């Protein structure tokens, strides 16, 4: 009997494209869909199987496409519906798949639904969003509760026409849809999901997929930020009481008729048990567990950018091990990722961007994540080891509304004090979202080859694009890009161990190295005759020993991969080196 083949999305490598910053084909300073089509062969050669395209829908761009005004059209700067048809066709022609962002917790305030809803309390769409009467205190109007928007300030915005507030968990131009109404859910399924699946897309990455169901009593949040009027209220709108009901309906009414599509959920702030509940119910194919990318960000304190802290290596290991355990102990699937459009660069955050070791560290992280079980997601620029922008940049260089709000919060609170402003910019250089949104560094030419030399890009290019770029790394055998190409092939060659195998962590509390074993799925330790992989990754500027688990020491081992070259590998790990040994 032939073993059942795993779902296509389990063994694929996905590559996220942020279209505004990817490739500008018409010299207007903004990336576009034809620009993406022109690079598909590059992505195919890299080893990409799935493209995840960040929002390209029509939008006023208050939150860079996550404020959608029309689910069935494309923002003109990115192209046209015909361009999208071409992109879908060209991906499939190369044997690649494509998934889109599904953003249905909220719309733009310019969406026709909201424009009708805001008119008065009696129109047909009056209840399609979350409207509440004001709280009157001493004769003055106040928001219905003290919830803080994820992007800062109150989560409520006043509308004169209705004499009511609407809820917006993100910027005020992103009103939250009222998922409590069936008519709203049906409209979402038809306009935002089925329209694109009928065009041939292969699935969706689901934005903020655990926020649809709120605590509709809208109680005040507990005070966790002293002296501030608005408080983090995650417990009242994350993983709410009707989430499973909504997602089961979506699956049964809408998704199942399209077969084996990829539905990957973004589940910030979710416990292991909560994530498992979504996966066991088949409400998502897999989810993004934010345990790793939340390290050092003080999310529970409202995500203050200047209050970041340096995590320890055992925290990093345990955060990755959490998803590995989930896959291993339950019949569910997971993802592997270190970067996306909302995160700073992984080399800077989790390794080192010291020029002496930066490329070594980028390759070590590549070896580490390609060895982990789950669907692998890479982000544009990660494959060349792009690192964070300088802390010397000014707030005028940034575009992200979340970062600008965070800076202004500090500026206002401390009366424009230059030292506090510098502290805020240092925080944004460490964890700010614009780190991921700078133009892709295609070459050493002007504007990093992203756009024409005479065109000003919509956002500043990285200062170091002349040294860190795709064209240069394609020509150099020892570059991070070439190493990613190698590892993505290697990952498929050893897929039963690397993609589908079991994970065994060795020495959690070791502070300088990350060591783990990949075993055949379901193999007990006594099955020692079967081949295994030993993965060792140095997180140190010094030489480190290769620490092999005692049960493997009596077996023959062969060095298969070294990030710094197998032929020159000695007894000890070199600084920021990663290795894979075949244990026979």
Protein backbone atom coordinates (compact mmCIF):
# COMPACT_ATOMS: atom_id res chain seq x y z
CA UNK A 1 0.00 0.00 0.00
CA UNK A 2 1.46 3.36 -1.04
CA UNK A 3 1.89 5.82 1.87
CA UNK A 4 -0.47 8.78 1.68
CA UNK A 5 1.21 11.87 0.27
CA UNK A 6 1.21 14.91 2.56
CA UNK A 7 -0.84 17.96 1.56
CA UNK A 8 0.99 20.15 -0.95
CA UNK A 9 1.14 23.00 1.55
CA UNK A 10 2.90 20.89 4.17
CA UNK A 11 6.03 20.30 2.13
CA UNK A 12 6.09 23.66 0.31
CA UNK A 13 8.26 26.68 1.02
CA UNK A 14 6.27 29.91 1.01
CA UNK A 15 7.69 33.35 0.25
CA UNK A 16 5.86 36.49 1.37
CA UNK A 17 5.78 39.47 -0.97
CA UNK A 18 4.98 42.98 0.31
CA UNK A 19 4.05 44.45 -3.08
CA UNK A 20 4.75 48.14 -2.38
CA UNK A 21 8.40 47.36 -1.65
CA UNK A 22 9.11 44.40 -3.89
CA UNK A 23 9.74 45.53 -7.52
CA UNK A 24 8.62 48.66 -9.34
CA UNK A 25 8.02 48.00 -13.03
CA UNK A 26 6.65 51.40 -14.10
CA UNK A 27 9.01 53.82 -12.30
CA UNK A 28 6.46 55.45 -10.01
CA UNK A 29 8.39 54.55 -6.83
CA UNK A 30 5.90 51.89 -5.73
CA UNK A 31 6.22 48.16 -6.33
CA UNK A 32 3.54 46.49 -8.41
CA UNK A 33 2.13 43.21 -9.65
CA UNK A 34 3.88 43.26 -13.08
CA UNK A 35 7.11 43.72 -11.12
CA UNK A 36 6.36 40.51 -9.24
CA UNK A 37 5.60 38.59 -12.42
CA UNK A 38 9.00 39.61 -13.79
CA UNK A 39 10.79 37.95 -10.86
CA UNK A 40 8.95 34.63 -10.72
CA UNK A 41 11.87 32.76 -12.30
CA UNK A 42 14.16 34.14 -9.59
CA UNK A 43 11.78 32.85 -6.90
CA UNK A 44 11.45 29.48 -8.63
CA UNK A 45 15.25 29.16 -8.76
CA UNK A 46 15.45 30.09 -5.08
CA UNK A 47 13.27 27.11 -4.25
CA UNK A 48 9.94 28.81 -3.58
CA UNK A 49 6.79 26.71 -3.99
CA UNK A 50 4.14 29.12 -2.70
CA UNK A 51 3.84 32.89 -2.94
CA UNK A 52 1.97 34.71 -0.20
CA UNK A 53 0.95 38.09 -1.60
CA UNK A 54 0.25 40.75 1.02
CA UNK A 55 -2.85 42.92 0.44
CA UNK A 56 -3.05 44.24 -3.09
CA UNK A 57 -6.75 45.20 -2.84
CA UNK A 58 -8.07 48.68 -3.48
CA UNK A 59 -7.40 50.75 -0.40
CA UNK A 60 -6.80 54.29 0.88
CA UNK A 61 -3.53 52.88 2.30
CA UNK A 62 -3.97 54.19 5.85
CA UNK A 63 -2.50 50.88 7.03
CA UNK A 64 -0.74 49.94 3.79
CA UNK A 65 -3.48 47.80 2.30
CA UNK A 66 -4.93 46.30 5.46
CA UNK A 67 -7.69 48.90 5.19
CA UNK A 68 -9.63 47.51 2.23
CA UNK A 69 -12.20 49.62 0.40
CA UNK A 70 -13.03 47.00 -2.27
CA UNK A 71 -12.28 43.28 -1.93
CA UNK A 72 -12.85 42.72 -5.64
CA UNK A 73 -10.45 45.25 -7.10
CA UNK A 74 -6.74 46.09 -7.01
CA UNK A 75 -5.15 49.29 -5.73
CA UNK A 76 -4.31 51.14 -9.00
CA UNK A 77 -0.67 51.71 -8.00
CA UNK A 78 -0.25 47.93 -7.85
CA UNK A 79 -2.00 47.20 -11.14
CA UNK A 80 -5.30 45.78 -12.33
CA UNK A 81 -7.46 42.69 -12.00
CA UNK A 82 -5.98 41.57 -15.33
CA UNK A 83 -2.50 41.82 -13.78
CA UNK A 84 -3.69 39.60 -10.92
CA UNK A 85 -5.07 37.08 -13.39
CA UNK A 86 -1.67 37.10 -15.11
CA UNK A 87 0.17 36.61 -11.82
CA UNK A 88 -2.02 33.65 -10.85
CA UNK A 89 -1.56 32.10 -14.28
CA UNK A 90 2.21 32.61 -14.34
CA UNK A 91 2.63 31.12 -10.86
CA UNK A 92 0.67 28.03 -11.86
CA UNK A 93 2.59 27.79 -15.14
CA UNK A 94 5.78 27.37 -13.10
CA UNK A 95 4.27 24.81 -10.75
CA UNK A 96 4.00 27.38 -7.98
CA UNK A 97 0.94 28.21 -5.88
CA UNK A 98 -0.30 31.60 -4.70
CA UNK A 99 -2.20 32.62 -1.58
CA UNK A 100 -3.61 36.05 -0.75
CA UNK A 101 -4.14 37.94 2.47
CA UNK A 102 -7.70 37.62 3.78
CA UNK A 103 -8.49 40.74 5.84
CA UNK A 104 -12.04 40.46 7.16
CA UNK A 105 -11.91 41.53 10.81
CA UNK A 106 -12.29 45.09 9.54
CA UNK A 107 -12.60 47.12 6.34
CA UNK A 108 -11.60 50.63 5.36
CA UNK A 109 -13.92 53.42 6.46
CA UNK A 110 -14.14 54.12 2.71
CA UNK A 111 -15.69 50.72 1.97
CA UNK A 112 -19.24 51.02 0.61
CA UNK A 113 -20.51 48.91 3.51
CA UNK A 114 -19.25 51.38 6.10
CA UNK A 115 -20.26 54.43 4.13
CA UNK A 116 -23.83 53.16 4.26
CA UNK A 117 -23.62 51.96 7.85
CA UNK A 118 -22.49 55.33 9.19
CA UNK A 119 -25.38 57.30 7.67
CA UNK A 120 -27.92 56.59 10.41
CA UNK A 121 -29.21 53.88 12.74
CA UNK A 122 -31.94 52.59 10.41
CA UNK A 123 -30.28 51.88 7.05
CA UNK A 124 -29.96 48.24 5.84
CA UNK A 125 -26.28 48.04 6.91
CA UNK A 126 -26.71 50.01 10.15
CA UNK A 127 -25.47 47.10 12.28
CA UNK A 128 -22.75 45.77 9.97
CA UNK A 129 -20.09 47.34 12.22
CA UNK A 130 -19.66 47.55 16.01
CA UNK A 131 -21.55 50.68 17.08
CA UNK A 132 -22.05 51.83 20.69
CA UNK A 133 -23.56 54.81 22.45
CA UNK A 134 -21.21 57.16 24.32
CA UNK A 135 -20.58 56.99 28.02
CA UNK A 136 -21.68 60.27 29.62
CA UNK A 137 -19.62 61.37 32.63
CA UNK A 138 -20.35 64.70 34.30
CA UNK A 139 -22.27 65.74 31.22
CA UNK A 140 -19.35 65.02 28.88
CA UNK A 141 -19.19 62.42 26.10
CA UNK A 142 -16.63 59.62 26.43
CA UNK A 143 -15.90 56.40 24.49
CA UNK A 144 -17.98 53.37 25.55
CA UNK A 145 -15.03 51.84 27.40
CA UNK A 146 -11.30 52.26 28.01
CA UNK A 147 -10.06 49.87 25.33
CA UNK A 148 -6.81 50.90 23.71
CA UNK A 149 -6.37 50.50 19.98
CA UNK A 150 -3.53 48.15 19.04
CA UNK A 151 -2.03 51.15 17.22
CA UNK A 152 -2.49 53.51 20.17
CA UNK A 153 -5.21 55.83 21.46
CA UNK A 154 -8.84 54.89 22.00
CA UNK A 155 -10.31 51.92 20.11
CA UNK A 156 -13.46 53.99 19.52
CA UNK A 157 -14.18 56.79 17.03
CA UNK A 158 -17.12 59.20 17.16
CA UNK A 159 -19.46 59.67 14.15
CA UNK A 160 -21.70 62.72 14.16
CA UNK A 161 -24.27 61.32 11.75
CA UNK A 162 -25.16 58.46 14.07
CA UNK A 163 -24.23 60.12 17.35
CA UNK A 164 -22.38 56.91 18.18
CA UNK A 165 -18.89 55.46 18.39
CA UNK A 166 -17.62 52.59 16.24
CA UNK A 167 -14.97 50.08 17.31
CA UNK A 168 -11.61 50.02 15.54
CA UNK A 169 -8.99 47.71 17.03
CA UNK A 170 -6.42 49.18 14.64
CA UNK A 171 -6.30 52.69 13.12
CA UNK A 172 -9.51 54.74 13.17
CA UNK A 173 -9.92 54.28 9.42
CA UNK A 174 -10.29 50.50 10.00
CA UNK A 175 -13.76 49.92 11.52
CA UNK A 176 -14.33 46.39 12.85
CA UNK A 177 -17.01 44.36 11.07
CA UNK A 178 -19.86 42.94 13.14
CA UNK A 179 -19.38 39.19 12.75
CA UNK A 180 -22.35 38.62 15.05
CA UNK A 181 -24.65 39.19 12.03
CA UNK A 182 -25.07 36.28 9.61
CA UNK A 183 -25.70 38.63 6.69
CA UNK A 184 -22.27 40.18 7.28
CA UNK A 185 -20.58 36.80 7.35
CA UNK A 186 -22.30 35.71 4.14
CA UNK A 187 -21.21 38.91 2.39
CA UNK A 188 -17.63 38.29 3.49
CA UNK A 189 -17.67 34.73 2.17
CA UNK A 190 -19.04 35.81 -1.20
CA UNK A 191 -17.09 39.01 -1.85
CA UNK A 192 -13.76 38.46 -0.11
CA UNK A 193 -13.22 34.69 -0.32
CA UNK A 194 -15.15 32.99 -3.13
CA UNK A 195 -14.39 35.76 -5.64
CA UNK A 196 -10.66 35.01 -5.42
CA UNK A 197 -10.89 31.24 -5.08
CA UNK A 198 -12.97 31.27 -8.27
CA UNK A 199 -10.09 33.16 -9.92
CA UNK A 200 -7.76 30.30 -9.02
CA UNK A 201 -5.84 31.37 -5.92
CA UNK A 202 -4.75 28.44 -3.77
CA UNK A 203 -5.72 29.75 -0.36
CA UNK A 204 -5.30 32.58 2.11
CA UNK A 205 -3.21 33.82 4.95
CA UNK A 206 -5.92 35.03 7.32
CA UNK A 207 -5.17 38.35 8.99
CA UNK A 208 -6.01 38.70 12.70
CA UNK A 209 -8.16 35.60 12.39
CA UNK A 210 -8.79 35.28 16.13
CA UNK A 211 -10.36 38.73 16.61
CA UNK A 212 -13.75 38.27 14.94
CA UNK A 213 -15.64 37.45 18.13
CA UNK A 214 -15.52 40.16 20.80
CA UNK A 215 -16.91 40.31 24.31
CA UNK A 216 -20.10 42.12 23.28
CA UNK A 217 -20.64 43.39 26.83
CA UNK A 218 -17.64 45.63 26.11
CA UNK A 219 -16.43 45.89 29.72
CA UNK A 220 -13.58 48.19 30.72
CA UNK A 221 -10.15 46.56 30.53
CA UNK A 222 -8.07 46.13 33.66
CA UNK A 223 -5.59 48.93 34.38
CA UNK A 224 -2.11 47.78 33.33
CA UNK A 225 -0.72 51.11 32.09
CA UNK A 226 -0.79 53.55 34.96
CA UNK A 227 -1.47 57.22 34.16
CA UNK A 228 -2.86 56.32 30.71
CA UNK A 229 -6.54 56.72 29.73
CA UNK A 230 -6.73 53.68 27.44
CA UNK A 231 -5.72 50.14 28.36
CA UNK A 232 -4.71 46.98 26.47
CA UNK A 233 -7.87 44.88 26.17
CA UNK A 234 -6.65 41.75 24.40
CA UNK A 235 -8.53 39.42 26.74
CA UNK A 236 -11.80 40.99 25.58
CA UNK A 237 -11.32 40.60 21.83
CA UNK A 238 -8.82 37.80 21.20
CA UNK A 239 -10.18 34.24 20.81
CA UNK A 240 -13.70 35.35 21.76
CA UNK A 241 -16.70 33.16 22.63
CA UNK A 242 -18.02 32.58 19.08
CA UNK A 243 -14.72 32.10 17.24
CA UNK A 244 -15.14 28.36 16.67
CA UNK A 245 -18.74 28.81 15.55
CA UNK A 246 -17.74 31.45 12.99
CA UNK A 247 -14.77 29.50 11.66
CA UNK A 248 -16.70 26.23 11.41
CA UNK A 249 -19.40 27.99 9.43
CA UNK A 250 -16.77 29.55 7.14
CA UNK A 251 -15.19 26.15 6.57
CA UNK A 252 -18.47 24.31 5.93
CA UNK A 253 -20.37 26.97 3.96
CA UNK A 254 -17.52 28.43 1.95
CA UNK A 255 -14.09 26.80 1.99
CA UNK A 256 -14.68 23.05 1.78
CA UNK A 257 -16.15 23.16 -1.71
CA UNK A 258 -12.77 24.35 -3.04
CA UNK A 259 -10.85 21.24 -1.96
CA UNK A 260 -7.33 21.21 -0.54
CA UNK A 261 -6.64 24.93 -0.18
CA UNK A 262 -4.20 26.46 2.31
CA UNK A 263 -5.77 28.47 5.12
CA UNK A 264 -3.06 29.75 7.44
CA UNK A 265 -4.24 31.80 10.39
CA UNK A 266 -2.54 34.69 12.15
CA UNK A 267 -3.18 34.00 15.84
CA UNK A 268 -1.36 36.57 17.99
CA UNK A 269 -1.64 36.29 21.76
CA UNK A 270 -2.90 32.69 21.70
CA UNK A 271 -2.01 29.93 24.11
CA UNK A 272 -0.85 26.52 22.98
CA UNK A 273 -4.25 25.10 23.94
CA UNK A 274 -6.13 27.75 21.94
CA UNK A 275 -4.03 27.23 18.82
CA UNK A 276 -4.53 23.48 19.14
CA UNK A 277 -8.30 23.94 19.36
CA UNK A 278 -8.37 25.76 15.99
CA UNK A 279 -6.19 23.15 14.33
CA UNK A 280 -7.92 20.06 15.70
CA UNK A 281 -11.25 21.43 14.45
CA UNK A 282 -9.72 21.89 10.97
CA UNK A 283 -10.66 25.56 11.06
CA UNK A 284 -7.18 26.38 9.75
CA UNK A 285 -4.63 24.29 7.85
CA UNK A 286 -1.97 25.71 10.16
CA UNK A 287 -1.36 28.93 12.05
CA UNK A 288 1.39 31.43 12.73
CA UNK A 289 2.31 31.07 16.38
CA UNK A 290 3.80 34.42 17.43
CA UNK A 291 5.70 33.01 20.38
CA UNK A 292 9.07 33.57 18.71
CA UNK A 293 8.52 36.95 17.06
CA UNK A 294 6.97 38.34 20.26
CA UNK A 295 10.22 37.75 22.15
CA UNK A 296 11.50 40.95 23.71
CA UNK A 297 8.53 43.09 22.66
CA UNK A 298 6.59 43.53 25.92
CA UNK A 299 3.34 42.80 24.11
CA UNK A 300 1.43 42.48 27.38
CA UNK A 301 2.31 46.09 28.23
CA UNK A 302 0.73 47.40 25.08
CA UNK A 303 3.73 46.70 22.86
CA UNK A 304 5.60 49.89 23.71
CA UNK A 305 8.37 50.04 21.12
CA UNK A 306 10.91 51.74 23.40
CA UNK A 307 10.41 49.13 26.12
CA UNK A 308 11.88 46.21 24.22
CA UNK A 309 14.38 43.94 25.92
CA UNK A 310 16.92 41.34 24.85
CA UNK A 311 15.63 37.79 25.13
CA UNK A 312 17.92 34.90 26.06
CA UNK A 313 18.76 32.02 23.73
CA UNK A 314 16.78 29.47 25.82
CA UNK A 315 13.69 31.64 25.25
CA UNK A 316 14.27 31.43 21.50
CA UNK A 317 14.70 27.65 21.62
CA UNK A 318 11.60 27.11 23.73
CA UNK A 319 9.49 29.37 21.49
CA UNK A 320 10.38 27.30 18.42
CA UNK A 321 10.04 24.03 20.33
CA UNK A 322 6.45 24.94 21.23
CA UNK A 323 5.28 24.60 17.62
CA UNK A 324 7.39 21.49 17.13
CA UNK A 325 5.74 19.87 20.16
CA UNK A 326 2.29 20.82 18.93
CA UNK A 327 2.88 19.09 15.59
CA UNK A 328 4.55 16.08 17.17
CA UNK A 329 2.13 15.34 19.98
CA UNK A 330 -1.09 16.01 18.08
CA UNK A 331 -2.19 15.25 14.55
CA UNK A 332 -1.98 18.90 13.46
CA UNK A 333 0.32 21.06 11.36
CA UNK A 334 2.34 24.23 12.00
CA UNK A 335 4.51 26.90 10.42
CA UNK A 336 8.15 27.89 10.66
CA UNK A 337 8.99 31.59 10.29
CA UNK A 338 11.17 34.35 11.73
CA UNK A 339 10.09 37.30 9.57
CA UNK A 340 7.04 38.90 8.02
CA UNK A 341 5.75 42.37 7.14
CA UNK A 342 5.06 43.15 10.83
CA UNK A 343 8.47 42.11 12.17
CA UNK A 344 11.97 43.50 12.22
CA UNK A 345 14.74 41.55 10.52
CA UNK A 346 15.65 38.19 12.04
CA UNK A 347 19.43 38.61 11.72
CA UNK A 348 19.25 41.73 13.89
CA UNK A 349 16.67 40.35 16.33
CA UNK A 350 17.73 36.76 16.85
CA UNK A 351 21.41 36.61 15.82
CA UNK A 352 23.85 39.44 15.12
CA UNK A 353 24.17 42.21 12.54
CA UNK A 354 27.79 42.88 13.50
CA UNK A 355 29.43 43.26 10.05
CA UNK A 356 32.10 40.70 10.93
CA UNK A 357 29.58 37.92 11.54
CA UNK A 358 26.37 39.08 9.87
CA UNK A 359 26.48 36.80 6.81
CA UNK A 360 27.55 33.83 8.92
CA UNK A 361 24.63 34.51 11.25
CA UNK A 362 22.18 34.80 8.33
CA UNK A 363 23.28 31.42 7.00
CA UNK A 364 23.12 29.86 10.46
CA UNK A 365 19.52 31.03 10.88
CA UNK A 366 18.75 29.66 7.41
CA UNK A 367 20.10 26.25 8.40
CA UNK A 368 18.19 26.38 11.68
CA UNK A 369 14.75 27.18 10.30
CA UNK A 370 14.97 24.98 7.20
CA UNK A 371 15.62 22.05 9.54
CA UNK A 372 12.39 22.53 11.53
CA UNK A 373 9.14 20.67 10.96
CA UNK A 374 6.25 22.64 9.45
CA UNK A 375 5.46 24.78 6.42
CA UNK A 376 8.38 27.19 5.97
CA UNK A 377 7.61 30.86 5.36
CA UNK A 378 10.33 33.25 4.19
CA UNK A 379 9.95 37.00 3.75
CA UNK A 380 11.35 39.11 0.91
CA UNK A 381 14.94 40.11 1.60
CA UNK A 382 15.42 37.44 4.25
CA UNK A 383 17.20 35.28 1.71
CA UNK A 384 20.04 37.81 1.42
CA UNK A 385 20.34 38.48 5.14
CA UNK A 386 18.80 41.96 5.09
CA UNK A 387 19.25 43.57 8.50
CA UNK A 388 17.56 46.42 10.37
CA UNK A 389 17.86 50.07 9.43
CA UNK A 390 20.02 52.41 11.47
CA UNK A 391 18.84 53.92 14.78
CA UNK A 392 20.19 57.23 13.39
CA UNK A 393 17.24 57.51 11.01
CA UNK A 394 14.62 60.14 11.85
CA UNK A 395 10.89 59.62 12.24
CA UNK A 396 10.48 61.37 8.85
CA UNK A 397 12.17 58.35 7.24
CA UNK A 398 9.47 55.98 8.52
CA UNK A 399 6.03 55.34 7.06
CA UNK A 400 4.38 52.80 9.36
CA UNK A 401 1.45 54.33 11.24
CA UNK A 402 2.13 52.07 14.22
CA UNK A 403 5.72 53.33 14.48
CA UNK A 404 4.75 56.96 13.96
CA UNK A 405 2.08 56.71 16.66
CA UNK A 406 4.53 55.02 19.03
CA UNK A 407 7.11 57.76 18.47
CA UNK A 408 4.54 60.53 18.95
CA UNK A 409 3.31 58.93 22.16
CA UNK A 410 6.82 59.20 23.59
CA UNK A 411 7.37 62.66 22.11
CA UNK A 412 4.16 64.01 23.65
CA UNK A 413 4.54 62.29 26.99
CA UNK A 414 8.08 63.60 27.53
CA UNK A 415 7.65 67.06 25.98
CA UNK A 416 9.77 66.41 22.91
CA UNK A 417 12.80 65.58 25.04
CA UNK A 418 15.68 64.70 22.63
CA UNK A 419 16.98 61.82 24.76
CA UNK A 420 13.53 60.24 24.97
CA UNK A 421 13.07 60.76 21.22
CA UNK A 422 16.38 59.03 20.60
CA UNK A 423 15.29 56.17 22.85
CA UNK A 424 12.06 55.85 20.86
CA UNK A 425 13.93 55.76 17.54
CA UNK A 426 16.31 53.14 18.93
CA UNK A 427 13.29 51.01 19.79
CA UNK A 428 11.81 51.43 16.31
CA UNK A 429 15.12 50.49 14.71
CA UNK A 430 15.02 47.30 16.80
CA UNK A 431 11.42 46.12 16.35
CA UNK A 432 9.65 48.61 14.05
CA UNK A 433 7.68 47.27 11.09
CA UNK A 434 9.35 49.52 8.51
CA UNK A 435 12.47 47.35 8.83
CA UNK A 436 10.60 44.77 6.75
CA UNK A 437 9.05 47.29 4.40
CA UNK A 438 12.12 48.96 2.93
CA UNK A 439 12.59 48.31 -0.80
CA UNK A 440 14.02 44.94 -1.76
CA UNK A 441 17.72 45.30 -2.51
CA UNK A 442 17.95 43.93 -6.04
CA UNK A 443 21.32 45.43 -6.98
CA UNK A 444 23.97 48.03 -6.16
CA UNK A 445 22.43 50.43 -8.66
CA UNK A 446 20.63 53.58 -7.55
CA UNK A 447 17.58 52.95 -5.36
CA UNK A 448 18.83 49.38 -4.87
CA UNK A 449 17.50 48.46 -8.31
CA UNK A 450 13.98 48.58 -6.87
CA UNK A 451 12.93 51.45 -9.11
CA UNK A 452 14.37 53.76 -11.75
CA UNK A 453 17.39 55.83 -10.73
CA UNK A 454 15.47 59.07 -11.28
CA UNK A 455 12.46 58.01 -9.21
CA UNK A 456 12.09 58.56 -5.47
CA UNK A 457 10.93 55.34 -3.76
CA UNK A 458 7.87 55.62 -1.51
CA UNK A 459 10.12 54.80 1.45
CA UNK A 460 13.85 55.24 2.00
CA UNK A 461 16.15 52.45 0.82
CA UNK A 462 18.41 50.63 3.25
CA UNK A 463 21.74 52.43 3.67
CA UNK A 464 23.75 49.29 2.90
CA UNK A 465 22.13 48.17 -0.37
CA UNK A 466 25.39 48.49 -2.29
CA UNK A 467 26.87 45.71 -0.16
CA UNK A 468 23.77 43.62 0.55
CA UNK A 469 21.82 42.90 -2.63
CA UNK A 470 20.50 40.05 -4.74
CA UNK A 471 22.62 40.64 -7.86
CA UNK A 472 25.89 40.47 -5.92
CA UNK A 473 24.84 37.39 -3.95
CA UNK A 474 23.71 35.51 -7.04
CA UNK A 475 27.30 35.77 -8.29
CA UNK A 476 28.97 34.62 -5.06
CA UNK A 477 29.04 30.97 -4.06
CA UNK A 478 29.33 31.61 -0.31
CA UNK A 479 26.51 34.18 -0.08
CA UNK A 480 23.43 33.80 2.13
CA UNK A 481 21.27 33.69 -1.02
CA UNK A 482 23.21 30.78 -2.48
CA UNK A 483 23.04 29.03 0.88
CA UNK A 484 19.25 29.43 1.01
CA UNK A 485 19.04 27.92 -2.47
CA UNK A 486 21.11 24.98 -1.26
CA UNK A 487 19.12 24.49 1.95
CA UNK A 488 15.73 24.59 0.27
CA UNK A 489 16.86 21.77 -2.04
CA UNK A 490 18.36 19.92 0.91
CA UNK A 491 15.09 20.33 2.83
CA UNK A 492 13.23 18.50 0.08
CA UNK A 493 15.95 15.86 -0.27
CA UNK A 494 15.63 15.01 3.43
CA UNK A 495 11.96 15.97 3.72
CA UNK A 496 10.94 12.97 5.85
CA UNK A 497 13.32 14.21 8.56
CA UNK A 498 13.47 17.97 8.03
CA UNK A 499 9.90 18.82 7.00
CA UNK A 500 7.89 15.91 8.38
CA UNK A 501 10.11 14.46 11.12
CA UNK A 502 10.01 14.61 14.90
CA UNK A 503 11.99 17.20 16.86
CA UNK A 504 14.13 16.50 19.92
CA UNK A 505 15.63 19.47 21.75
CA UNK A 506 18.99 19.00 23.44
CA UNK A 507 20.10 21.15 26.41
CA UNK A 508 17.51 23.91 26.54
CA UNK A 509 19.55 26.02 28.94
CA UNK A 510 22.80 26.12 26.95
CA UNK A 511 23.37 29.85 26.33
CA UNK A 512 25.64 29.77 23.27
CA UNK A 513 24.32 27.01 21.01
CA UNK A 514 21.04 25.53 19.81
CA UNK A 515 21.22 21.76 19.30
CA UNK A 516 18.40 19.49 18.21
CA UNK A 517 17.79 16.15 16.52
CA UNK A 518 15.38 15.41 13.69
CA UNK A 519 14.04 11.84 13.72
CA UNK A 520 11.67 9.89 11.49
CA UNK A 521 8.06 10.61 12.43
CA UNK A 522 6.90 8.53 15.38
CA UNK A 523 10.28 6.84 15.93
CA UNK A 524 10.98 5.89 19.53
CA UNK A 525 14.49 6.47 20.83
CA UNK A 526 15.25 2.77 20.79
CA UNK A 527 14.84 2.78 17.01
CA UNK A 528 18.48 3.77 16.86
CA UNK A 529 19.19 2.00 13.61
CA UNK A 530 17.22 4.58 11.65
CA UNK A 531 18.94 7.64 10.22
CA UNK A 532 18.60 10.89 12.10
CA UNK A 533 19.92 14.43 11.66
CA UNK A 534 21.83 16.32 14.33
CA UNK A 535 21.52 20.10 13.91
CA UNK A 536 23.91 22.37 15.82
CA UNK A 537 23.80 26.16 15.61
CA UNK A 538 26.26 28.54 17.24
CA UNK A 539 24.94 31.83 18.66
CA UNK A 540 28.37 32.99 19.74
CA UNK A 541 31.32 35.14 18.61
CA UNK A 542 33.65 32.42 19.92
CA UNK A 543 34.35 28.78 19.17
CA UNK A 544 31.84 26.41 20.73
CA UNK A 545 31.90 22.62 21.21
CA UNK A 546 29.62 20.33 19.23
CA UNK A 547 27.45 18.86 21.98
CA UNK A 548 26.00 15.56 20.80
CA UNK A 549 23.26 13.86 22.85
CA UNK A 550 24.71 10.86 24.67
CA UNK A 551 22.42 8.37 22.94
CA UNK A 552 23.98 9.29 19.58
CA UNK A 553 27.66 9.22 20.55
CA UNK A 554 28.18 5.54 19.79
CA UNK A 555 26.79 5.87 16.27
CA UNK A 556 28.58 6.82 13.08
CA UNK A 557 28.10 10.45 12.01
CA UNK A 558 28.76 12.29 8.77
CA UNK A 559 28.91 16.05 8.33
CA UNK A 560 26.46 16.89 5.56
CA UNK A 561 26.29 20.69 5.78
CA UNK A 562 28.30 23.48 7.32
CA UNK A 563 27.28 27.09 6.80
CA UNK A 564 30.98 28.01 6.65
CA UNK A 565 32.08 25.09 4.44
CA UNK A 566 32.31 21.37 5.20
CA UNK A 567 35.89 21.12 3.97
CA UNK A 568 37.17 23.58 6.58
CA UNK A 569 35.04 22.37 9.50
CA UNK A 570 37.08 21.37 12.52
CA UNK A 571 36.36 19.93 15.94
CA UNK A 572 34.64 23.08 17.20
CA UNK A 573 31.87 25.26 15.83
CA UNK A 574 33.21 28.50 14.44
CA UNK A 575 31.47 31.76 15.42
CA UNK A 576 27.85 31.73 14.20
CA UNK A 577 28.31 28.46 12.33
CA UNK A 578 25.53 25.95 11.75
CA UNK A 579 26.04 22.28 10.92
CA UNK A 580 23.93 19.24 10.06
CA UNK A 581 25.27 15.77 10.75
CA UNK A 582 23.75 12.56 9.40
CA UNK A 583 23.59 10.02 12.23
CA UNK A 584 23.66 6.53 10.73
